PDB file of N, CA and C in Angstrom:
ATOM      1  N   MET A   1      92.695-112.331  51.911  1.00  0.00           N
ATOM      2  CA  MET A   1      93.999-112.956  52.069  1.00  0.00           C
ATOM      3  C   MET A   1      93.830-114.292  52.786  1.00  0.00           C
ATOM      4  N   SER A   2      94.608-115.235  52.406  1.00  0.00           N
ATOM      5  CA  SER A   2      94.477-116.569  52.983  1.00  0.00           C
ATOM      6  C   SER A   2      95.138-116.638  54.359  1.00  0.00           C
ATOM      7  N   ASN A   3      94.809-117.685  55.076  1.00  0.00           N
ATOM      8  CA  ASN A   3      95.312-117.900  56.429  1.00  0.00           C
ATOM      9  C   ASN A   3      96.750-118.394  56.403  1.00  0.00           C
ATOM     10  N   LYS A   4      97.434-118.187  57.523  1.00  0.00           N
ATOM     11  CA  LYS A   4      98.787-118.729  57.660  1.00  0.00           C
ATOM     12  C   LYS A   4      98.701-120.192  58.051  1.00  0.00           C
ATOM     13  N   THR A   5      99.706-120.939  57.662  1.00  0.00           N
ATOM     14  CA  THR A   5      99.778-122.360  57.987  1.00  0.00           C
ATOM     15  C   THR A   5     100.734-122.558  59.160  1.00  0.00           C
ATOM     16  N   SER A   6     100.861-123.784  59.608  1.00  0.00           N
ATOM     17  CA  SER A   6     101.777-124.061  60.724  1.00  0.00           C
ATOM     18  C   SER A   6     103.240-123.851  60.327  1.00  0.00           C
ATOM     19  N   THR A   7     103.531-123.821  59.034  1.00  0.00           N
ATOM     20  CA  THR A   7     104.896-123.550  58.573  1.00  0.00           C
ATOM     21  C   THR A   7     105.176-122.051  58.501  1.00  0.00           C
ATOM     22  N   GLY A   8     104.152-121.235  58.739  1.00  0.00           N
ATOM     23  CA  GLY A   8     104.306-119.788  58.684  1.00  0.00           C
ATOM     24  C   GLY A   8     104.028-119.199  57.313  1.00  0.00           C
ATOM     25  N   LEU A   9     103.750-120.055  56.340  1.00  0.00           N
ATOM     26  CA  LEU A   9     103.432-119.597  54.987  1.00  0.00           C
ATOM     27  C   LEU A   9     101.946-119.284  54.876  1.00  0.00           C
ATOM     28  N   GLN A  10     101.599-118.415  53.947  1.00  0.00           N
ATOM     29  CA  GLN A  10     100.193-118.201  53.623  1.00  0.00           C
ATOM     30  C   GLN A  10      99.683-119.472  52.944  1.00  0.00           C
ATOM     31  N   GLU A  11      98.386-119.768  53.096  1.00  0.00           N
ATOM     32  CA  GLU A  11      97.829-120.993  52.493  1.00  0.00           C
ATOM     33  C   GLU A  11      98.035-121.036  50.989  1.00  0.00           C
ATOM     34  N   ASN A  12      97.857-119.900  50.319  1.00  0.00           N
ATOM     35  CA  ASN A  12      98.012-119.921  48.862  1.00  0.00           C
ATOM     36  C   ASN A  12      99.454-120.207  48.446  1.00  0.00           C
ATOM     37  N   VAL A  13     100.419-119.722  49.213  1.00  0.00           N
ATOM     38  CA  VAL A  13     101.835-119.984  48.905  1.00  0.00           C
ATOM     39  C   VAL A  13     102.151-121.454  49.145  1.00  0.00           C
ATOM     40  N   ALA A  14     101.716-121.973  50.290  1.00  0.00           N
ATOM     41  CA  ALA A  14     101.949-123.395  50.578  1.00  0.00           C
ATOM     42  C   ALA A  14     101.230-124.265  49.550  1.00  0.00           C
ATOM     43  N   GLY A  15     100.021-123.850  49.140  1.00  0.00           N
ATOM     44  CA  GLY A  15      99.271-124.597  48.135  1.00  0.00           C
ATOM     45  C   GLY A  15     100.005-124.673  46.811  1.00  0.00           C
ATOM     46  N   LEU A  16     100.548-123.550  46.359  1.00  0.00           N
ATOM     47  CA  LEU A  16     101.270-123.581  45.078  1.00  0.00           C
ATOM     48  C   LEU A  16     102.569-124.352  45.197  1.00  0.00           C
ATOM     49  N   LEU A  17     103.197-124.315  46.376  1.00  0.00           N
ATOM     50  CA  LEU A  17     104.433-125.076  46.559  1.00  0.00           C
ATOM     51  C   LEU A  17     104.190-126.582  46.519  1.00  0.00           C
ATOM     52  N   CYS A  18     102.955-127.010  46.786  1.00  0.00           N
ATOM     53  CA  CYS A  18     102.625-128.438  46.686  1.00  0.00           C
ATOM     54  C   CYS A  18     102.824-128.962  45.265  1.00  0.00           C
ATOM     55  N   TYR A  19     102.722-128.073  44.285  1.00  0.00           N
ATOM     56  CA  TYR A  19     102.813-128.482  42.883  1.00  0.00           C
ATOM     57  C   TYR A  19     104.200-128.273  42.272  1.00  0.00           C
ATOM     58  N   VAL A  20     105.047-127.483  42.909  1.00  0.00           N
ATOM     59  CA  VAL A  20     106.312-127.060  42.307  1.00  0.00           C
ATOM     60  C   VAL A  20     107.194-128.231  41.884  1.00  0.00           C
ATOM     61  N   LEU A  21     107.362-129.202  42.739  1.00  0.00           N
ATOM     62  CA  LEU A  21     108.205-130.364  42.412  1.00  0.00           C
ATOM     63  C   LEU A  21     107.361-131.612  42.149  1.00  0.00           C
ATOM     64  N   TRP A  22     106.232-131.401  41.500  1.00  0.00           N
ATOM     65  CA  TRP A  22     105.305-132.474  41.171  1.00  0.00           C
ATOM     66  C   TRP A  22     104.896-133.230  42.426  1.00  0.00           C
ATOM     67  N   TRP A  23     104.867-134.540  42.366  1.00  0.00           N
ATOM     68  CA  TRP A  23     104.383-135.353  43.481  1.00  0.00           C
ATOM     69  C   TRP A  23     105.313-135.305  44.687  1.00  0.00           C
ATOM     70  N   VAL A  24     106.577-134.985  44.471  1.00  0.00           N
ATOM     71  CA  VAL A  24     107.536-134.932  45.577  1.00  0.00           C
ATOM     72  C   VAL A  24     107.162-133.818  46.560  1.00  0.00           C
ATOM     73  N   SER A  25     106.882-132.621  46.038  1.00  0.00           N
ATOM     74  CA  SER A  25     106.511-131.521  46.937  1.00  0.00           C
ATOM     75  C   SER A  25     105.138-131.770  47.562  1.00  0.00           C
ATOM     76  N   GLY A  26     104.285-132.524  46.887  1.00  0.00           N
ATOM     77  CA  GLY A  26     103.010-132.915  47.486  1.00  0.00           C
ATOM     78  C   GLY A  26     103.224-133.752  48.724  1.00  0.00           C
ATOM     79  N   ILE A  27     104.135-134.698  48.634  1.00  0.00           N
ATOM     80  CA  ILE A  27     104.448-135.549  49.791  1.00  0.00           C
ATOM     81  C   ILE A  27     105.054-134.713  50.915  1.00  0.00           C
ATOM     82  N   VAL A  28     105.957-133.808  50.573  1.00  0.00           N
ATOM     83  CA  VAL A  28     106.602-132.958  51.578  1.00  0.00           C
ATOM     84  C   VAL A  28     105.553-132.149  52.346  1.00  0.00           C
ATOM     85  N   PHE A  29     104.625-131.519  51.625  1.00  0.00           N
ATOM     86  CA  PHE A  29     103.619-130.697  52.312  1.00  0.00           C
ATOM     87  C   PHE A  29     102.567-131.531  53.017  1.00  0.00           C
ATOM     88  N   LEU A  30     102.354-132.729  52.583  1.00  0.00           N
ATOM     89  CA  LEU A  30     101.452-133.625  53.312  1.00  0.00           C
ATOM     90  C   LEU A  30     102.037-133.940  54.688  1.00  0.00           C
ATOM     91  N   VAL A  31     103.354-134.080  54.747  1.00  0.00           N
ATOM     92  CA  VAL A  31     104.040-134.339  56.017  1.00  0.00           C
ATOM     93  C   VAL A  31     104.099-133.059  56.866  1.00  0.00           C
ATOM     94  N   LEU A  32     104.399-131.915  56.230  1.00  0.00           N
ATOM     95  CA  LEU A  32     104.550-130.657  56.966  1.00  0.00           C
ATOM     96  C   LEU A  32     103.229-130.082  57.477  1.00  0.00           C
ATOM     97  N   GLU A  33     102.153-130.301  56.745  1.00  0.00           N
ATOM     98  CA  GLU A  33     100.851-129.711  57.079  1.00  0.00           C
ATOM     99  C   GLU A  33      99.771-130.788  57.206  1.00  0.00           C
ATOM    100  N   PRO A  34      99.871-131.665  58.201  1.00  0.00           N
ATOM    101  CA  PRO A  34      98.909-132.766  58.295  1.00  0.00           C
ATOM    102  C   PRO A  34      97.509-132.348  58.739  1.00  0.00           C
ATOM    103  N   ASN A  35      97.340-131.122  59.249  1.00  0.00           N
ATOM    104  CA  ASN A  35      96.046-130.709  59.781  1.00  0.00           C
ATOM    105  C   ASN A  35      95.330-129.645  58.957  1.00  0.00           C
ATOM    106  N   ASN A  36      95.980-129.099  57.949  1.00  0.00           N
ATOM    107  CA  ASN A  36      95.371-128.047  57.135  1.00  0.00           C
ATOM    108  C   ASN A  36      94.687-128.678  55.918  1.00  0.00           C
ATOM    109  N   LYS A  37      93.358-128.598  55.872  1.00  0.00           N
ATOM    110  CA  LYS A  37      92.594-129.262  54.807  1.00  0.00           C
ATOM    111  C   LYS A  37      92.891-128.697  53.423  1.00  0.00           C
ATOM    112  N   THR A  38      93.103-127.400  53.333  1.00  0.00           N
ATOM    113  CA  THR A  38      93.404-126.788  52.036  1.00  0.00           C
ATOM    114  C   THR A  38      94.732-127.285  51.496  1.00  0.00           C
ATOM    115  N   ILE A  39      95.743-127.304  52.353  1.00  0.00           N
ATOM    116  CA  ILE A  39      97.068-127.763  51.923  1.00  0.00           C
ATOM    117  C   ILE A  39      97.042-129.261  51.633  1.00  0.00           C
ATOM    118  N   LYS A  40      96.319-130.018  52.456  1.00  0.00           N
ATOM    119  CA  LYS A  40      96.206-131.458  52.202  1.00  0.00           C
ATOM    120  C   LYS A  40      95.541-131.722  50.859  1.00  0.00           C
ATOM    121  N   PHE A  41      94.522-130.920  50.501  1.00  0.00           N
ATOM    122  CA  PHE A  41      93.872-131.067  49.197  1.00  0.00           C
ATOM    123  C   PHE A  41      94.888-130.879  48.079  1.00  0.00           C
ATOM    124  N   HIS A  42      95.637-129.763  48.134  1.00  0.00           N
ATOM    125  CA  HIS A  42      96.623-129.490  47.079  1.00  0.00           C
ATOM    126  C   HIS A  42      97.711-130.563  47.049  1.00  0.00           C
ATOM    127  N   ALA A  43      98.140-131.021  48.231  1.00  0.00           N
ATOM    128  CA  ALA A  43      99.182-132.047  48.295  1.00  0.00           C
ATOM    129  C   ALA A  43      98.702-133.360  47.686  1.00  0.00           C
ATOM    130  N   PHE A  44      97.498-133.801  48.075  1.00  0.00           N
ATOM    131  CA  PHE A  44      96.968-135.051  47.514  1.00  0.00           C
ATOM    132  C   PHE A  44      96.727-134.928  46.013  1.00  0.00           C
ATOM    133  N   GLN A  45      96.198-133.798  45.575  1.00  0.00           N
ATOM    134  CA  GLN A  45      95.954-133.627  44.143  1.00  0.00           C
ATOM    135  C   GLN A  45      97.271-133.650  43.372  1.00  0.00           C
ATOM    136  N   SER A  46      98.303-133.016  43.917  1.00  0.00           N
ATOM    137  CA  SER A  46      99.615-133.026  43.282  1.00  0.00           C
ATOM    138  C   SER A  46     100.159-134.447  43.179  1.00  0.00           C
ATOM    139  N   ILE A  47     100.047-135.196  44.260  1.00  0.00           N
ATOM    140  CA  ILE A  47     100.537-136.580  44.271  1.00  0.00           C
ATOM    141  C   ILE A  47      99.794-137.421  43.240  1.00  0.00           C
ATOM    142  N   LEU A  48      98.482-137.286  43.193  1.00  0.00           N
ATOM    143  CA  LEU A  48      97.675-138.097  42.271  1.00  0.00           C
ATOM    144  C   LEU A  48      97.910-137.714  40.812  1.00  0.00           C
ATOM    145  N   VAL A  49      97.826-136.431  40.508  1.00  0.00           N
ATOM    146  CA  VAL A  49      97.950-135.975  39.116  1.00  0.00           C
ATOM    147  C   VAL A  49      99.359-136.208  38.592  1.00  0.00           C
ATOM    148  N   PHE A  50     100.335-135.675  39.306  1.00  0.00           N
ATOM    149  CA  PHE A  50     101.700-135.753  38.786  1.00  0.00           C
ATOM    150  C   PHE A  50     102.330-137.121  39.002  1.00  0.00           C
ATOM    151  N   GLY A  51     101.845-137.859  39.985  1.00  0.00           N
ATOM    152  CA  GLY A  51     102.280-139.246  40.135  1.00  0.00           C
ATOM    153  C   GLY A  51     101.831-140.082  38.949  1.00  0.00           C
ATOM    154  N   ALA A  52     100.565-139.911  38.552  1.00  0.00           N
ATOM    155  CA  ALA A  52     100.032-140.648  37.397  1.00  0.00           C
ATOM    156  C   ALA A  52     100.747-140.242  36.109  1.00  0.00           C
ATOM    157  N   LEU A  53     100.984-138.944  35.935  1.00  0.00           N
ATOM    158  CA  LEU A  53     101.680-138.482  34.730  1.00  0.00           C
ATOM    159  C   LEU A  53     103.122-138.985  34.704  1.00  0.00           C
ATOM    160  N   TRP A  54     103.775-138.990  35.855  1.00  0.00           N
ATOM    161  CA  TRP A  54     105.151-139.484  35.937  1.00  0.00           C
ATOM    162  C   TRP A  54     105.217-140.964  35.571  1.00  0.00           C
ATOM    163  N   VAL A  55     104.280-141.753  36.097  1.00  0.00           N
ATOM    164  CA  VAL A  55     104.236-143.186  35.769  1.00  0.00           C
ATOM    165  C   VAL A  55     103.999-143.371  34.268  1.00  0.00           C
ATOM    166  N   ALA A  56     103.066-142.596  33.698  1.00  0.00           N
ATOM    167  CA  ALA A  56     102.784-142.700  32.263  1.00  0.00           C
ATOM    168  C   ALA A  56     104.025-142.368  31.434  1.00  0.00           C
ATOM    169  N   ILE A  57     104.739-141.329  31.827  1.00  0.00           N
ATOM    170  CA  ILE A  57     105.969-140.964  31.107  1.00  0.00           C
ATOM    171  C   ILE A  57     107.000-142.084  31.207  1.00  0.00           C
ATOM    172  N   MET A  58     107.153-142.663  32.383  1.00  0.00           N
ATOM    173  CA  MET A  58     108.118-143.754  32.567  1.00  0.00           C
ATOM    174  C   MET A  58     107.736-144.980  31.727  1.00  0.00           C
ATOM    175  N   VAL A  59     106.455-145.300  31.648  1.00  0.00           N
ATOM    176  CA  VAL A  59     106.001-146.456  30.865  1.00  0.00           C
ATOM    177  C   VAL A  59     106.231-146.207  29.376  1.00  0.00           C
ATOM    178  N   PHE A  60     105.796-145.048  28.885  1.00  0.00           N
ATOM    179  CA  PHE A  60     105.955-144.766  27.455  1.00  0.00           C
ATOM    180  C   PHE A  60     107.414-144.597  27.047  1.00  0.00           C
ATOM    181  N   ALA A  61     108.264-144.210  27.970  1.00  0.00           N
ATOM    182  CA  ALA A  61     109.688-144.049  27.653  1.00  0.00           C
ATOM    183  C   ALA A  61     110.325-145.375  27.226  1.00  0.00           C
ATOM    184  N   TRP A  62     109.745-146.483  27.636  1.00  0.00           N
ATOM    185  CA  TRP A  62     110.290-147.800  27.305  1.00  0.00           C
ATOM    186  C   TRP A  62     109.766-148.365  25.984  1.00  0.00           C
ATOM    187  N   ILE A  63     108.772-147.730  25.400  1.00  0.00           N
ATOM    188  CA  ILE A  63     108.171-148.255  24.170  1.00  0.00           C
ATOM    189  C   ILE A  63     108.908-147.685  22.954  1.00  0.00           C
ATOM    190  N   PRO A  64     109.471-148.559  22.131  1.00  0.00           N
ATOM    191  CA  PRO A  64     110.189-148.081  20.944  1.00  0.00           C
ATOM    192  C   PRO A  64     109.245-147.405  19.934  1.00  0.00           C
ATOM    193  N   PHE A  65     109.778-146.499  19.173  1.00  0.00           N
ATOM    194  CA  PHE A  65     109.117-145.790  18.080  1.00  0.00           C
ATOM    195  C   PHE A  65     108.033-144.816  18.539  1.00  0.00           C
ATOM    196  N   ILE A  66     106.935-145.306  19.122  1.00  0.00           N
ATOM    197  CA  ILE A  66     105.845-144.406  19.516  1.00  0.00           C
ATOM    198  C   ILE A  66     106.055-143.808  20.906  1.00  0.00           C
ATOM    199  N   GLY A  67     106.921-144.401  21.694  1.00  0.00           N
ATOM    200  CA  GLY A  67     107.169-143.933  23.056  1.00  0.00           C
ATOM    201  C   GLY A  67     107.573-142.473  23.144  1.00  0.00           C
ATOM    202  N   PRO A  68     108.572-142.055  22.374  1.00  0.00           N
ATOM    203  CA  PRO A  68     108.984-140.648  22.448  1.00  0.00           C
ATOM    204  C   PRO A  68     107.864-139.668  22.072  1.00  0.00           C
ATOM    205  N   PHE A  69     107.029-140.049  21.112  1.00  0.00           N
ATOM    206  CA  PHE A  69     105.907-139.195  20.713  1.00  0.00           C
ATOM    207  C   PHE A  69     104.936-139.006  21.878  1.00  0.00           C
ATOM    208  N   PHE A  70     104.511-140.119  22.482  1.00  0.00           N
ATOM    209  CA  PHE A  70     103.562-140.035  23.585  1.00  0.00           C
ATOM    210  C   PHE A  70     104.186-139.411  24.833  1.00  0.00           C
ATOM    211  N   THR A  71     105.458-139.667  25.052  1.00  0.00           N
ATOM    212  CA  THR A  71     106.152-139.046  26.180  1.00  0.00           C
ATOM    213  C   THR A  71     106.169-137.535  26.015  1.00  0.00           C
ATOM    214  N   GLY A  72     106.396-137.074  24.800  1.00  0.00           N
ATOM    215  CA  GLY A  72     106.376-135.636  24.520  1.00  0.00           C
ATOM    216  C   GLY A  72     105.007-135.017  24.741  1.00  0.00           C
ATOM    217  N   ILE A  73     103.973-135.710  24.303  1.00  0.00           N
ATOM    218  CA  ILE A  73     102.609-135.205  24.493  1.00  0.00           C
ATOM    219  C   ILE A  73     102.256-135.161  25.979  1.00  0.00           C
ATOM    220  N   ILE A  74     102.556-136.230  26.677  1.00  0.00           N
ATOM    221  CA  ILE A  74     102.265-136.276  28.118  1.00  0.00           C
ATOM    222  C   ILE A  74     103.063-135.191  28.842  1.00  0.00           C
ATOM    223  N   GLY A  75     104.311-135.001  28.456  1.00  0.00           N
ATOM    224  CA  GLY A  75     105.139-133.954  29.063  1.00  0.00           C
ATOM    225  C   GLY A  75     104.569-132.564  28.830  1.00  0.00           C
ATOM    226  N   ALA A  76     104.070-132.307  27.621  1.00  0.00           N
ATOM    227  CA  ALA A  76     103.473-131.005  27.319  1.00  0.00           C
ATOM    228  C   ALA A  76     102.197-130.787  28.132  1.00  0.00           C
ATOM    229  N   VAL A  77     101.359-131.820  28.221  1.00  0.00           N
ATOM    230  CA  VAL A  77     100.135-131.732  29.027  1.00  0.00           C
ATOM    231  C   VAL A  77     100.491-131.514  30.500  1.00  0.00           C
ATOM    232  N   ALA A  78     101.496-132.239  30.975  1.00  0.00           N
ATOM    233  CA  ALA A  78     101.934-132.099  32.370  1.00  0.00           C
ATOM    234  C   ALA A  78     102.417-130.678  32.642  1.00  0.00           C
ATOM    235  N   PHE A  79     103.145-130.097  31.709  1.00  0.00           N
ATOM    236  CA  PHE A  79     103.644-128.735  31.891  1.00  0.00           C
ATOM    237  C   PHE A  79     102.496-127.733  31.970  1.00  0.00           C
ATOM    238  N   ILE A  80     101.527-127.880  31.099  1.00  0.00           N
ATOM    239  CA  ILE A  80     100.367-126.983  31.111  1.00  0.00           C
ATOM    240  C   ILE A  80      99.584-127.141  32.417  1.00  0.00           C
ATOM    241  N   LEU A  81      99.333-128.386  32.825  1.00  0.00           N
ATOM    242  CA  LEU A  81      98.634-128.620  34.093  1.00  0.00           C
ATOM    243  C   LEU A  81      99.418-128.048  35.271  1.00  0.00           C
ATOM    244  N   TRP A  82     100.708-128.221  35.240  1.00  0.00           N
ATOM    245  CA  TRP A  82     101.582-127.705  36.292  1.00  0.00           C
ATOM    246  C   TRP A  82     101.415-126.192  36.427  1.00  0.00           C
ATOM    247  N   LEU A  83     101.459-125.482  35.290  1.00  0.00           N
ATOM    248  CA  LEU A  83     101.286-124.031  35.313  1.00  0.00           C
ATOM    249  C   LEU A  83      99.905-123.636  35.814  1.00  0.00           C
ATOM    250  N   VAL A  84      98.879-124.286  35.298  1.00  0.00           N
ATOM    251  CA  VAL A  84      97.498-123.960  35.691  1.00  0.00           C
ATOM    252  C   VAL A  84      97.303-124.175  37.189  1.00  0.00           C
ATOM    253  N   LEU A  85      97.743-125.318  37.697  1.00  0.00           N
ATOM    254  CA  LEU A  85      97.552-125.623  39.120  1.00  0.00           C
ATOM    255  C   LEU A  85      98.339-124.674  40.018  1.00  0.00           C
ATOM    256  N   ILE A  86      99.523-124.295  39.618  1.00  0.00           N
ATOM    257  CA  ILE A  86     100.315-123.338  40.396  1.00  0.00           C
ATOM    258  C   ILE A  86      99.627-121.975  40.422  1.00  0.00           C
ATOM    259  N   VAL A  87      99.191-121.507  39.268  1.00  0.00           N
ATOM    260  CA  VAL A  87      98.533-120.195  39.196  1.00  0.00           C
ATOM    261  C   VAL A  87      97.234-120.189  39.982  1.00  0.00           C
ATOM    262  N   MET A  88      96.436-121.237  39.838  1.00  0.00           N
ATOM    263  CA  MET A  88      95.161-121.294  40.567  1.00  0.00           C
ATOM    264  C   MET A  88      95.392-121.334  42.075  1.00  0.00           C
ATOM    265  N   ALA A  89      96.365-122.110  42.530  1.00  0.00           N
ATOM    266  CA  ALA A  89      96.666-122.169  43.962  1.00  0.00           C
ATOM    267  C   ALA A  89      97.186-120.818  44.456  1.00  0.00           C
ATOM    268  N   ALA A  90      98.008-120.153  43.648  1.00  0.00           N
ATOM    269  CA  ALA A  90      98.541-118.841  44.026  1.00  0.00           C
ATOM    270  C   ALA A  90      97.420-117.821  44.182  1.00  0.00           C
ATOM    271  N   GLN A  91      96.376-117.956  43.367  1.00  0.00           N
ATOM    272  CA  GLN A  91      95.229-117.052  43.435  1.00  0.00           C
ATOM    273  C   GLN A  91      94.231-117.489  44.496  1.00  0.00           C
ATOM    274  N   ASP A  92      94.583-118.481  45.281  1.00  0.00           N
ATOM    275  CA  ASP A  92      93.742-119.006  46.354  1.00  0.00           C
ATOM    276  C   ASP A  92      92.442-119.613  45.824  1.00  0.00           C
ATOM    277  N   LYS A  93      92.516-120.181  44.628  1.00  0.00           N
ATOM    278  CA  LYS A  93      91.368-120.850  44.022  1.00  0.00           C
ATOM    279  C   LYS A  93      91.586-122.356  44.093  1.00  0.00           C
ATOM    280  N   LYS A  94      90.531-123.053  44.412  1.00  0.00           N
ATOM    281  CA  LYS A  94      90.608-124.514  44.525  1.00  0.00           C
ATOM    282  C   LYS A  94      90.161-125.119  43.193  1.00  0.00           C
ATOM    283  N   TYR A  95      91.122-125.423  42.346  1.00  0.00           N
ATOM    284  CA  TYR A  95      90.841-126.010  41.038  1.00  0.00           C
ATOM    285  C   TYR A  95      90.924-127.525  41.167  1.00  0.00           C
ATOM    286  N   LYS A  96      89.790-128.181  40.943  1.00  0.00           N
ATOM    287  CA  LYS A  96      89.748-129.640  41.084  1.00  0.00           C
ATOM    288  C   LYS A  96      89.892-130.310  39.727  1.00  0.00           C
ATOM    289  N   MET A  97      90.892-131.155  39.619  1.00  0.00           N
ATOM    290  CA  MET A  97      91.053-131.973  38.426  1.00  0.00           C
ATOM    291  C   MET A  97      89.932-133.010  38.415  1.00  0.00           C
ATOM    292  N   PRO A  98      89.486-133.449  37.223  1.00  0.00           N
ATOM    293  CA  PRO A  98      88.307-134.323  37.132  1.00  0.00           C
ATOM    294  C   PRO A  98      88.291-135.535  38.055  1.00  0.00           C
ATOM    295  N   TRP A  99      89.280-136.367  38.082  1.00  0.00           N
ATOM    296  CA  TRP A  99      89.217-137.548  38.950  1.00  0.00           C
ATOM    297  C   TRP A  99      90.031-137.349  40.221  1.00  0.00           C
ATOM    298  N   ALA A 100      91.162-136.696  40.107  1.00  0.00           N
ATOM    299  CA  ALA A 100      92.057-136.532  41.248  1.00  0.00           C
ATOM    300  C   ALA A 100      91.522-135.525  42.259  1.00  0.00           C
ATOM    301  N   GLY A 101      90.843-134.498  41.794  1.00  0.00           N
ATOM    302  CA  GLY A 101      90.329-133.467  42.685  1.00  0.00           C
ATOM    303  C   GLY A 101      89.298-133.992  43.664  1.00  0.00           C
ATOM    304  N   ASP A 102      88.389-134.835  43.169  1.00  0.00           N
ATOM    305  CA  ASP A 102      87.369-135.414  44.060  1.00  0.00           C
ATOM    306  C   ASP A 102      88.001-136.330  45.092  1.00  0.00           C
ATOM    307  N   LEU A 103      88.944-137.128  44.651  1.00  0.00           N
ATOM    308  CA  LEU A 103      89.629-138.048  45.565  1.00  0.00           C
ATOM    309  C   LEU A 103      90.483-137.276  46.572  1.00  0.00           C
ATOM    310  N   ALA A 104      91.168-136.254  46.099  1.00  0.00           N
ATOM    311  CA  ALA A 104      91.992-135.426  46.989  1.00  0.00           C
ATOM    312  C   ALA A 104      91.130-134.722  48.028  1.00  0.00           C
ATOM    313  N   GLU A 105      89.977-134.239  47.602  1.00  0.00           N
ATOM    314  CA  GLU A 105      89.048-133.575  48.526  1.00  0.00           C
ATOM    315  C   GLU A 105      88.547-134.550  49.587  1.00  0.00           C
ATOM    316  N   LYS A 106      88.254-135.758  49.156  1.00  0.00           N
ATOM    317  CA  LYS A 106      87.781-136.791  50.085  1.00  0.00           C
ATOM    318  C   LYS A 106      88.877-137.137  51.104  1.00  0.00           C
ATOM    319  N   TRP A 107      90.098-137.355  50.615  1.00  0.00           N
ATOM    320  CA  TRP A 107      91.209-137.708  51.487  1.00  0.00           C
ATOM    321  C   TRP A 107      91.611-136.576  52.430  1.00  0.00           C
ATOM    322  N   ALA A 108      91.438-135.334  51.978  1.00  0.00           N
ATOM    323  CA  ALA A 108      91.816-134.168  52.801  1.00  0.00           C
ATOM    324  C   ALA A 108      90.828-133.945  53.944  1.00  0.00           C
ATOM    325  N   GLY A 109      89.674-134.555  53.839  1.00  0.00           N
ATOM    326  CA  GLY A 109      88.687-134.435  54.921  1.00  0.00           C
ATOM    327  C   GLY A 109      87.696-133.389  54.616  1.00  0.00           C
TER     328      GLY A 109
END
């Protein structure tokens, strides 16, 4: 079983909550848990992954004709990643995304 955090939540619960509202919940948990490396990892990874996907969706939304197609694909990929990251965090597994995971690990200390 994972350790409790300063918020009173188990680490795996706080970790999965970092992903629930995409980058927004990542920022919230980064503020709430500034000293827990596991939670900081999940928070930074959430901010990086879902922040990048959100920006991509916003950019493609403005492009006529092909924009809706790419927005749909990015949205589907984002949904799958969202589910995978939530499930992995709930199982107390540290799933590192290819570029964001290394950076999140570095930033988390």
